[in-house]
Amino acid sequence: MIPSPPWRRVCILLGAGILSAFQVGKIPPVLQDIRPDLGISLFHAGWMPSIFSLTGLVLGAAADAIADVLGHRRLMLFGLGLQIAGSFLGSWEARP
């Protein structure tokens, strides 16, 4: 007999994956709005999503090595906590 999956954990991990996916694709819709504020051309604005992808590539490889030392679960929970904190901090608009 096949044991039933732990549905509570499955739902938590599914929700964490969905919330983590919200971090992807934030820049392209707002590039036209932030370009004048930053004073950059469309060419340079196009580099912004590329830099985020490159950062994810480099830090992802480093995180894998760190996870082998510290533990995958501990590092995953730390990363989710950083994403939550970053999302909350990014949701407040800075007013001069």
N, C-alpha and C. Protein backbone atom coordinates (compact mmCIF):
# COMPACT_ATOMS: atom_id res chain seq x y z
N MET A 1 0.83 -1.18 0.00
CA MET A 1 0.00 0.00 0.00
C MET A 1 0.88 1.25 0.00
N ILE A 2 0.53 2.21 -0.80
CA ILE A 2 1.28 3.46 -0.92
C ILE A 2 0.83 4.42 0.19
N PRO A 3 1.77 4.96 0.95
CA PRO A 3 1.37 5.90 2.00
C PRO A 3 0.87 7.20 1.40
N SER A 4 -0.12 7.81 2.06
CA SER A 4 -0.65 9.07 1.55
C SER A 4 0.35 10.20 1.82
N PRO A 5 0.40 11.16 0.91
CA PRO A 5 1.37 12.26 1.09
C PRO A 5 0.95 13.17 2.24
N PRO A 6 1.91 13.81 2.87
CA PRO A 6 1.58 14.76 3.95
C PRO A 6 1.03 16.05 3.33
N TRP A 7 -0.27 16.15 3.23
CA TRP A 7 -0.91 17.24 2.49
C TRP A 7 -0.60 18.62 3.06
N ARG A 8 -0.42 18.71 4.34
CA ARG A 8 -0.09 20.02 4.93
C ARG A 8 1.23 20.53 4.37
N ARG A 9 2.23 19.67 4.32
CA ARG A 9 3.54 20.07 3.78
C ARG A 9 3.45 20.35 2.28
N VAL A 10 2.68 19.54 1.58
CA VAL A 10 2.53 19.74 0.14
C VAL A 10 1.92 21.12 -0.13
N CYS A 11 0.89 21.48 0.63
CA CYS A 11 0.24 22.78 0.43
C CYS A 11 1.17 23.94 0.80
N ILE A 12 1.94 23.79 1.87
CA ILE A 12 2.88 24.84 2.27
C ILE A 12 3.94 25.03 1.19
N LEU A 13 4.50 23.94 0.68
CA LEU A 13 5.54 24.05 -0.35
C LEU A 13 4.97 24.59 -1.65
N LEU A 14 3.75 24.20 -1.99
CA LEU A 14 3.12 24.74 -3.20
C LEU A 14 2.89 26.24 -3.06
N GLY A 15 2.40 26.66 -1.90
CA GLY A 15 2.19 28.09 -1.66
C GLY A 15 3.49 28.87 -1.67
N ALA A 16 4.54 28.30 -1.10
CA ALA A 16 5.84 28.97 -1.10
C ALA A 16 6.37 29.11 -2.52
N GLY A 17 6.17 28.10 -3.33
CA GLY A 17 6.62 28.18 -4.73
C GLY A 17 5.86 29.23 -5.50
N ILE A 18 4.55 29.34 -5.27
CA ILE A 18 3.74 30.35 -5.96
C ILE A 18 4.16 31.74 -5.52
N LEU A 19 4.34 31.94 -4.22
CA LEU A 19 4.76 33.26 -3.74
C LEU A 19 6.16 33.62 -4.22
N SER A 20 7.03 32.64 -4.33
CA SER A 20 8.38 32.91 -4.84
C SER A 20 8.33 33.30 -6.31
N ALA A 21 7.39 32.74 -7.05
CA ALA A 21 7.27 33.06 -8.47
C ALA A 21 6.82 34.50 -8.68
N PHE A 22 6.19 35.11 -7.68
CA PHE A 22 5.80 36.51 -7.81
C PHE A 22 7.01 37.43 -7.96
N GLN A 23 8.18 36.97 -7.55
CA GLN A 23 9.39 37.79 -7.65
C GLN A 23 9.86 37.92 -9.09
N VAL A 24 9.43 37.00 -9.94
CA VAL A 24 9.86 36.98 -11.33
C VAL A 24 8.90 37.84 -12.15
N GLY A 25 9.42 38.66 -12.99
CA GLY A 25 8.59 39.42 -13.90
C GLY A 25 8.06 40.73 -13.37
N LYS A 26 8.66 41.26 -12.33
CA LYS A 26 8.21 42.54 -11.81
C LYS A 26 8.73 43.71 -12.65
N ILE A 27 9.90 43.58 -13.21
CA ILE A 27 10.54 44.72 -13.86
C ILE A 27 9.95 45.09 -15.22
N PRO A 28 9.76 44.14 -16.15
CA PRO A 28 9.33 44.54 -17.49
C PRO A 28 8.08 45.42 -17.55
N PRO A 29 7.04 45.17 -16.74
CA PRO A 29 5.86 46.04 -16.85
C PRO A 29 6.10 47.49 -16.41
N VAL A 30 7.07 47.71 -15.54
CA VAL A 30 7.27 49.06 -15.02
C VAL A 30 8.48 49.78 -15.63
N LEU A 31 9.14 49.16 -16.57
CA LEU A 31 10.33 49.79 -17.16
C LEU A 31 10.01 51.16 -17.78
N GLN A 32 8.89 51.26 -18.46
CA GLN A 32 8.55 52.54 -19.08
C GLN A 32 8.29 53.63 -18.05
N ASP A 33 7.83 53.24 -16.87
CA ASP A 33 7.55 54.23 -15.83
C ASP A 33 8.80 54.68 -15.08
N ILE A 34 9.76 53.78 -14.90
CA ILE A 34 10.93 54.14 -14.10
C ILE A 34 12.09 54.68 -14.94
N ARG A 35 12.03 54.49 -16.25
CA ARG A 35 13.12 54.99 -17.10
C ARG A 35 13.34 56.49 -16.97
N PRO A 36 12.30 57.32 -17.06
CA PRO A 36 12.55 58.78 -16.91
C PRO A 36 13.10 59.14 -15.53
N ASP A 37 12.64 58.45 -14.49
CA ASP A 37 13.13 58.75 -13.14
C ASP A 37 14.61 58.43 -13.00
N LEU A 38 15.05 57.35 -13.65
CA LEU A 38 16.45 56.97 -13.57
C LEU A 38 17.31 57.67 -14.62
N GLY A 39 16.67 58.23 -15.63
CA GLY A 39 17.41 58.90 -16.69
C GLY A 39 18.22 57.95 -17.55
N ILE A 40 17.66 56.80 -17.88
CA ILE A 40 18.38 55.80 -18.67
C ILE A 40 17.64 55.52 -19.97
N SER A 41 18.38 55.03 -20.94
CA SER A 41 17.79 54.69 -22.24
C SER A 41 17.10 53.34 -22.15
N LEU A 42 16.36 53.02 -23.22
CA LEU A 42 15.69 51.73 -23.28
C LEU A 42 16.70 50.59 -23.31
N PHE A 43 17.85 50.83 -23.95
CA PHE A 43 18.90 49.82 -24.00
C PHE A 43 19.39 49.49 -22.60
N HIS A 44 19.69 50.52 -21.82
CA HIS A 44 20.18 50.29 -20.46
C HIS A 44 19.08 49.73 -19.55
N ALA A 45 17.85 50.14 -19.78
CA ALA A 45 16.74 49.60 -18.99
C ALA A 45 16.56 48.11 -19.28
N GLY A 46 16.87 47.67 -20.48
CA GLY A 46 16.77 46.26 -20.82
C GLY A 46 17.78 45.40 -20.08
N TRP A 47 18.85 46.02 -19.63
CA TRP A 47 19.85 45.27 -18.86
C TRP A 47 19.37 44.94 -17.46
N MET A 48 18.41 45.69 -16.94
CA MET A 48 17.96 45.47 -15.57
C MET A 48 17.43 44.05 -15.35
N PRO A 49 16.50 43.55 -16.18
CA PRO A 49 16.06 42.16 -15.97
C PRO A 49 17.19 41.15 -16.17
N SER A 50 18.11 41.46 -17.08
CA SER A 50 19.23 40.55 -17.32
C SER A 50 20.14 40.48 -16.10
N ILE A 51 20.35 41.60 -15.44
CA ILE A 51 21.20 41.63 -14.26
C ILE A 51 20.56 40.82 -13.13
N PHE A 52 19.23 40.92 -12.99
CA PHE A 52 18.55 40.12 -11.98
C PHE A 52 18.70 38.63 -12.26
N SER A 53 18.59 38.25 -13.53
CA SER A 53 18.76 36.83 -13.88
C SER A 53 20.18 36.37 -13.63
N LEU A 54 21.15 37.20 -13.98
CA LEU A 54 22.55 36.86 -13.74
C LEU A 54 22.85 36.74 -12.25
N THR A 55 22.29 37.64 -11.47
CA THR A 55 22.47 37.57 -10.02
C THR A 55 21.89 36.27 -9.46
N GLY A 56 20.71 35.89 -9.96
CA GLY A 56 20.11 34.63 -9.53
C GLY A 56 20.96 33.43 -9.89
N LEU A 57 21.58 33.48 -11.07
CA LEU A 57 22.45 32.39 -11.50
C LEU A 57 23.65 32.25 -10.58
N VAL A 58 24.33 33.35 -10.33
CA VAL A 58 25.55 33.32 -9.52
C VAL A 58 25.24 32.99 -8.07
N LEU A 59 24.24 33.67 -7.51
CA LEU A 59 23.91 33.42 -6.11
C LEU A 59 23.26 32.05 -5.92
N GLY A 60 22.57 31.55 -6.94
CA GLY A 60 21.97 30.22 -6.85
C GLY A 60 23.03 29.14 -6.74
N ALA A 61 24.09 29.28 -7.51
CA ALA A 61 25.19 28.31 -7.43
C ALA A 61 25.88 28.39 -6.07
N ALA A 62 26.05 29.59 -5.55
CA ALA A 62 26.67 29.75 -4.23
C ALA A 62 25.74 29.22 -3.14
N ALA A 63 24.43 29.44 -3.30
CA ALA A 63 23.48 28.96 -2.30
C ALA A 63 23.46 27.44 -2.25
N ASP A 64 23.67 26.80 -3.38
CA ASP A 64 23.71 25.34 -3.40
C ASP A 64 24.88 24.82 -2.58
N ALA A 65 26.01 25.45 -2.72
CA ALA A 65 27.19 25.03 -1.94
C ALA A 65 26.98 25.29 -0.46
N ILE A 66 26.35 26.42 -0.13
CA ILE A 66 26.08 26.74 1.27
C ILE A 66 25.04 25.78 1.85
N ALA A 67 24.05 25.40 1.04
CA ALA A 67 23.01 24.49 1.52
C ALA A 67 23.57 23.13 1.86
N ASP A 68 24.59 22.70 1.14
CA ASP A 68 25.20 21.42 1.46
C ASP A 68 25.87 21.45 2.83
N VAL A 69 26.32 22.63 3.23
CA VAL A 69 27.00 22.76 4.52
C VAL A 69 25.98 23.00 5.65
N LEU A 70 25.07 23.95 5.45
CA LEU A 70 24.15 24.35 6.51
C LEU A 70 22.89 23.51 6.59
N GLY A 71 22.50 22.92 5.49
CA GLY A 71 21.26 22.16 5.44
C GLY A 71 20.27 22.83 4.50
N HIS A 72 19.64 22.03 3.67
CA HIS A 72 18.75 22.56 2.65
C HIS A 72 17.50 23.21 3.25
N ARG A 73 16.93 22.59 4.24
CA ARG A 73 15.71 23.13 4.84
C ARG A 73 15.98 24.48 5.51
N ARG A 74 17.05 24.56 6.26
CA ARG A 74 17.39 25.80 6.96
C ARG A 74 17.62 26.95 5.96
N LEU A 75 18.34 26.66 4.89
CA LEU A 75 18.62 27.70 3.90
C LEU A 75 17.35 28.08 3.13
N MET A 76 16.47 27.10 2.85
CA MET A 76 15.22 27.41 2.16
C MET A 76 14.34 28.32 3.02
N LEU A 77 14.24 28.02 4.30
CA LEU A 77 13.43 28.86 5.18
C LEU A 77 14.03 30.26 5.32
N PHE A 78 15.35 30.35 5.37
CA PHE A 78 16.00 31.65 5.43
C PHE A 78 15.72 32.46 4.15
N GLY A 79 15.81 31.80 3.00
CA GLY A 79 15.54 32.47 1.73
C GLY A 79 14.10 32.93 1.61
N LEU A 80 13.16 32.10 2.06
CA LEU A 80 11.76 32.52 2.04
C LEU A 80 11.53 33.71 2.97
N GLY A 81 12.21 33.70 4.11
CA GLY A 81 12.10 34.85 5.01
C GLY A 81 12.64 36.13 4.38
N LEU A 82 13.74 36.00 3.66
CA LEU A 82 14.28 37.18 2.96
C LEU A 82 13.33 37.67 1.87
N GLN A 83 12.71 36.75 1.15
CA GLN A 83 11.74 37.15 0.13
C GLN A 83 10.54 37.86 0.74
N ILE A 84 10.06 37.35 1.86
CA ILE A 84 8.93 37.99 2.54
C ILE A 84 9.31 39.39 3.00
N ALA A 85 10.48 39.51 3.63
CA ALA A 85 10.92 40.83 4.10
C ALA A 85 11.12 41.78 2.94
N GLY A 86 11.73 41.32 1.86
CA GLY A 86 11.94 42.17 0.69
C GLY A 86 10.64 42.61 0.04
N SER A 87 9.66 41.72 0.01
CA SER A 87 8.36 42.07 -0.57
C SER A 87 7.66 43.13 0.27
N PHE A 88 7.72 42.97 1.59
CA PHE A 88 7.09 43.98 2.44
C PHE A 88 7.80 45.32 2.34
N LEU A 89 9.12 45.30 2.33
CA LEU A 89 9.87 46.56 2.22
C LEU A 89 9.64 47.22 0.86
N GLY A 90 9.55 46.42 -0.18
CA GLY A 90 9.33 46.95 -1.52
C GLY A 90 7.92 47.46 -1.75
N SER A 91 6.98 47.08 -0.89
CA SER A 91 5.59 47.50 -1.09
C SER A 91 5.34 48.92 -0.59
N TRP A 92 6.23 49.43 0.26
CA TRP A 92 6.05 50.79 0.75
C TRP A 92 6.70 51.78 -0.20
N GLU A 93 5.95 52.77 -0.56
CA GLU A 93 6.46 53.79 -1.47
C GLU A 93 7.22 54.84 -0.69
N ALA A 94 8.43 55.11 -1.14
CA ALA A 94 9.25 56.14 -0.48
C ALA A 94 8.77 57.50 -0.94
N ARG A 95 8.50 58.36 0.01
CA ARG A 95 8.02 59.71 -0.32
C ARG A 95 9.06 60.73 0.13
N PRO A 96 9.42 61.60 -0.76
CA PRO A 96 10.43 62.61 -0.39
C PRO A 96 9.90 63.63 0.60
